Protein backbone atom coordinates (compact mmCIF):
# COMPACT_ATOMS: atom_id res chain seq x y z
CA MET A 1 -76.28 49.12 -31.82
CA ASN A 2 -72.87 50.36 -32.82
CA LEU A 3 -70.17 47.95 -31.58
CA ARG A 4 -68.02 50.76 -30.16
CA VAL A 5 -70.94 52.19 -28.16
CA PHE A 6 -71.78 48.69 -26.93
CA ASN A 7 -68.16 48.16 -25.83
CA VAL A 8 -68.10 51.48 -23.95
CA LEU A 9 -71.40 50.70 -22.22
CA ALA A 10 -70.13 47.24 -21.31
CA ALA A 11 -66.93 48.74 -19.82
CA VAL A 12 -68.90 51.32 -17.81
CA SER A 13 -71.26 48.58 -16.65
CA LEU A 14 -68.32 46.45 -15.56
CA MET A 15 -66.90 49.34 -13.52
CA LEU A 16 -70.31 49.90 -11.89
CA TRP A 17 -70.44 46.20 -11.08
CA VAL A 18 -67.07 46.36 -9.31
CA ALA A 19 -68.23 49.47 -7.40
CA THR A 20 -71.46 47.69 -6.40
CA LEU A 21 -69.52 44.69 -5.09
CA ALA A 22 -67.21 47.01 -3.12
CA LEU A 23 -70.22 48.87 -1.65
CA TRP A 24 -71.83 45.55 -0.78
CA VAL A 25 -68.77 44.41 1.18
CA TRP A 26 -68.37 47.88 2.74
CA SER A 27 -72.00 47.84 3.93
CA GLU A 28 -71.33 44.83 6.14
CA TRP A 29 -69.18 47.04 8.43
CA TRP A 30 -70.32 50.61 7.67
CA THR A 31 -73.59 52.34 6.90
CA ASP A 32 -73.67 55.18 4.38
CA ARG A 33 -76.76 57.37 4.06
CA LEU A 34 -77.40 60.23 1.65
CA SER A 35 -80.39 62.37 2.71
CA TRP A 36 -82.04 65.45 1.25
CA ARG A 37 -85.23 67.42 1.65
CA HIS A 38 -87.60 67.60 -1.31
CA ASN A 39 -90.79 69.67 -1.00
CA GLU A 40 -92.52 68.36 2.12
CA SER A 41 -90.56 65.13 2.57
CA VAL A 42 -87.11 63.91 3.54
CA ARG A 43 -85.68 61.36 1.12
CA SER A 44 -82.71 59.15 1.69
CA VAL A 45 -80.71 56.39 0.04
CA ALA A 46 -78.66 54.18 2.33
CA SER A 47 -76.38 51.18 2.04
CA VAL A 48 -77.12 49.02 5.07
CA ARG A 49 -76.01 45.43 5.79
CA GLY A 50 -76.03 44.24 2.20
CA ASP A 51 -79.14 46.19 1.19
CA ILE A 52 -79.87 49.47 -0.51
CA VAL A 53 -82.64 51.28 1.37
CA ILE A 54 -84.61 54.02 -0.39
CA ASP A 55 -86.78 55.95 2.06
CA ILE A 56 -89.30 58.77 1.66
CA ASN A 57 -90.51 60.16 4.98
CA VAL A 58 -93.20 62.84 5.18
CA GLU A 59 -93.65 62.75 8.95
CA ASN A 60 -90.12 63.84 9.93
CA ALA A 61 -89.73 66.49 7.19
CA SER A 62 -90.49 69.33 9.60
CA MET A 63 -87.37 68.49 11.64
CA ALA A 64 -85.01 68.98 8.67
CA PRO A 65 -83.92 72.44 7.50
CA ALA A 66 -85.48 73.78 4.31
CA SER A 67 -82.35 73.18 2.22
CA TYR A 68 -81.22 69.98 3.89
CA PHE A 69 -78.63 67.78 2.13
CA GLY A 70 -76.35 65.44 4.00
CA LEU A 71 -74.12 62.40 3.82
CA GLU A 72 -73.78 60.31 6.97
CA GLN A 73 -71.45 57.43 7.68
CA TYR A 74 -71.33 55.36 10.85
CA PRO A 75 -70.10 51.93 11.95
CA ARG A 76 -72.49 49.01 11.79
CA ASP A 77 -72.47 48.58 15.59
CA ASP A 78 -74.20 51.95 15.98
CA LEU A 79 -76.99 51.02 13.59
CA GLN A 80 -80.40 50.40 15.08
CA PRO A 81 -82.54 47.90 13.16
CA ILE A 82 -85.28 49.39 11.05
CA GLN A 83 -88.37 48.50 13.08
CA LEU A 84 -90.68 48.99 10.14
CA ARG A 85 -89.48 45.73 8.57
CA TRP A 86 -90.54 43.55 11.47
CA CYS A 87 -93.72 45.37 12.46
CA SER A 88 -96.92 44.07 10.89
CA TYR A 89 -99.65 45.30 13.19
CA PRO A 90 -101.58 48.58 13.31
CA VAL A 91 -100.48 51.11 15.92
CA ALA A 92 -103.07 53.89 16.22
CA PRO A 93 -103.21 56.10 14.24
CA TYR A 94 -100.67 54.35 11.95
CA THR A 95 -101.10 51.30 9.75
CA PHE A 96 -98.06 49.43 8.45
CA ASP A 97 -98.30 47.86 5.01
CA ILE A 98 -95.37 45.50 4.40
CA ARG A 99 -94.57 43.31 1.40
CA ASN A 100 -91.45 41.18 1.04
CA TRP A 101 -90.14 38.70 -1.49
CA GLY A 102 -86.69 37.14 -1.78
CA GLY A 103 -84.86 39.87 0.13
CA PHE A 104 -86.81 42.72 -1.49
CA TRP A 105 -88.97 44.81 0.84
CA TRP A 106 -91.59 47.44 0.30
CA SER A 107 -93.32 49.07 3.23
CA ALA A 108 -95.58 52.04 3.79
CA VAL A 109 -96.73 53.81 6.93
CA ARG A 110 -100.27 55.13 6.57
CA THR A 111 -102.58 57.30 8.60
CA PRO A 112 -106.26 57.72 7.80
CA ALA A 113 -105.37 60.97 6.01
CA ALA A 114 -102.28 60.05 3.94
CA ILE A 115 -99.14 57.97 3.51
CA GLN A 116 -96.51 59.13 5.99
CA GLY A 117 -93.53 57.20 4.68
CA VAL A 118 -92.44 54.64 2.12
CA GLU A 119 -89.41 52.38 2.23
CA LEU A 120 -88.00 50.23 -0.54
CA VAL A 121 -85.21 47.74 0.20
CA VAL A 122 -83.24 46.17 -2.65
CA PRO A 123 -80.39 43.71 -1.97
CA HIS A 124 -76.96 44.59 -3.38
CA TRP A 125 -76.75 41.19 -5.07
CA SER A 126 -79.74 41.97 -7.32
CA LEU A 127 -78.17 45.24 -8.42
CA ALA A 128 -74.88 43.44 -9.11
CA VAL A 129 -76.65 40.82 -11.24
CA ALA A 130 -78.51 43.48 -13.24
CA ILE A 131 -75.37 45.53 -13.84
CA VAL A 132 -73.17 42.58 -14.91
CA SER A 133 -75.67 41.44 -17.55
CA LEU A 134 -74.31 43.81 -20.24
CA PRO A 135 -70.61 42.78 -19.91
CA LEU A 136 -71.71 39.15 -19.68
CA THR A 137 -73.74 39.53 -22.90
CA ARG A 138 -70.77 41.19 -24.60
CA THR A 139 -68.42 38.39 -23.54
CA THR A 140 -70.90 35.71 -24.63
CA LEU A 141 -71.29 37.27 -28.09
CA TRP A 142 -67.52 37.60 -28.45
CA LEU A 143 -67.00 33.93 -27.51
CA LYS A 144 -69.76 32.83 -29.88
CA ARG A 145 -68.13 34.69 -32.78
CA ARG A 146 -64.72 33.20 -31.95
CA VAL A 147 -66.05 29.64 -31.73
CA LEU A 148 -68.07 30.03 -34.95
CA ALA A 149 -65.08 31.48 -36.83
CA ARG A 150 -62.83 28.64 -35.64
CA TRP A 151 -65.42 26.01 -36.59
CA ARG A 152 -65.85 27.55 -40.05
CA ARG A 153 -62.10 27.71 -40.59
CA ASN A 154 -61.59 24.09 -39.47
CA SER A 155 -64.52 22.90 -41.61
CA ASN A 156 -63.16 24.71 -44.72
CA LEU A 157 -66.09 27.14 -44.80
CA CYS A 158 -66.10 30.85 -45.65
CA PRO A 159 -65.55 32.86 -42.41
CA THR A 160 -68.10 35.49 -43.53
CA CYS A 161 -71.06 33.59 -44.99
CA GLY A 162 -70.33 29.93 -44.19
CA TYR A 163 -70.22 28.77 -47.87
CA ASP A 164 -68.36 25.50 -48.55
CA LEU A 165 -64.87 26.33 -49.92
CA ARG A 166 -63.73 22.82 -50.91
CA ALA A 167 -64.14 23.54 -54.62
CA THR A 168 -62.65 27.09 -54.46
CA PRO A 169 -60.16 27.22 -51.60
CA ASP A 170 -58.72 30.66 -52.48
CA ARG A 171 -61.88 32.83 -52.56
CA CYS A 172 -65.54 32.41 -51.63
CA PRO A 173 -67.71 32.35 -54.80
CA GLU A 174 -70.75 33.44 -52.78
CA CYS A 175 -69.52 36.66 -51.08
CA GLY A 176 -66.01 37.17 -52.58
CA THR A 177 -64.15 37.00 -49.27
CA PRO A 178 -60.56 35.78 -49.71
CA ALA A 179 -59.78 32.58 -47.83
CA ALA A 180 -57.79 32.91 -44.63
CA PRO A 181 -54.08 32.17 -45.10
CA PRO A 182 -53.03 28.75 -43.83
CA THR A 183 -51.78 28.86 -40.26
CA THR A 184 -50.39 25.37 -39.65
CA ASN A 185 -48.00 23.09 -41.55
CA ALA A 186 -50.83 20.60 -42.14
CA GLU A 187 -52.91 23.29 -43.87
CA LEU A 188 -49.89 24.28 -46.02
CA ALA A 189 -49.33 20.65 -47.04
CA ALA A 190 -53.03 20.19 -47.92
CA ARG A 191 -52.87 23.03 -50.46
């Protein structure tokens, strides 16, 4: 990948990471929900108490207008807990199918005829870890190159190919790269 493109993607990823951390902290006091109607279902994405909740609800779609799109924001005190997370028993005619692992939740409400709703809960921390991986990779590669270049310079090796420059201190006979100019008084005295 082109280094410039990689740097731009790393910078955008870093900004998304900061925004995710801010949303995570914000969600401890406020709930934000973006809802819209799509075909015969109401879909929503919410930031609730450190989680991102993605919800598709077929049952309540008839209550929303045909071209429904909305953004809601309310304090955490007004938030009612999502009962679907803690309910694991069948309530006629509904069946609740719930799976959870390490803060991730997936649940579905089923009737004998069809699925009525699906909910996916992803913690903010997992999104933050995924987003920061690109800037972290970029920083790790940059540090590795810096450490390798310093080691090669201190070991009197070519900075490009690593060839031993003790016999030819001015230019690398392998790749033709000129030797780095001496930077300290000790290096000047050695030449």
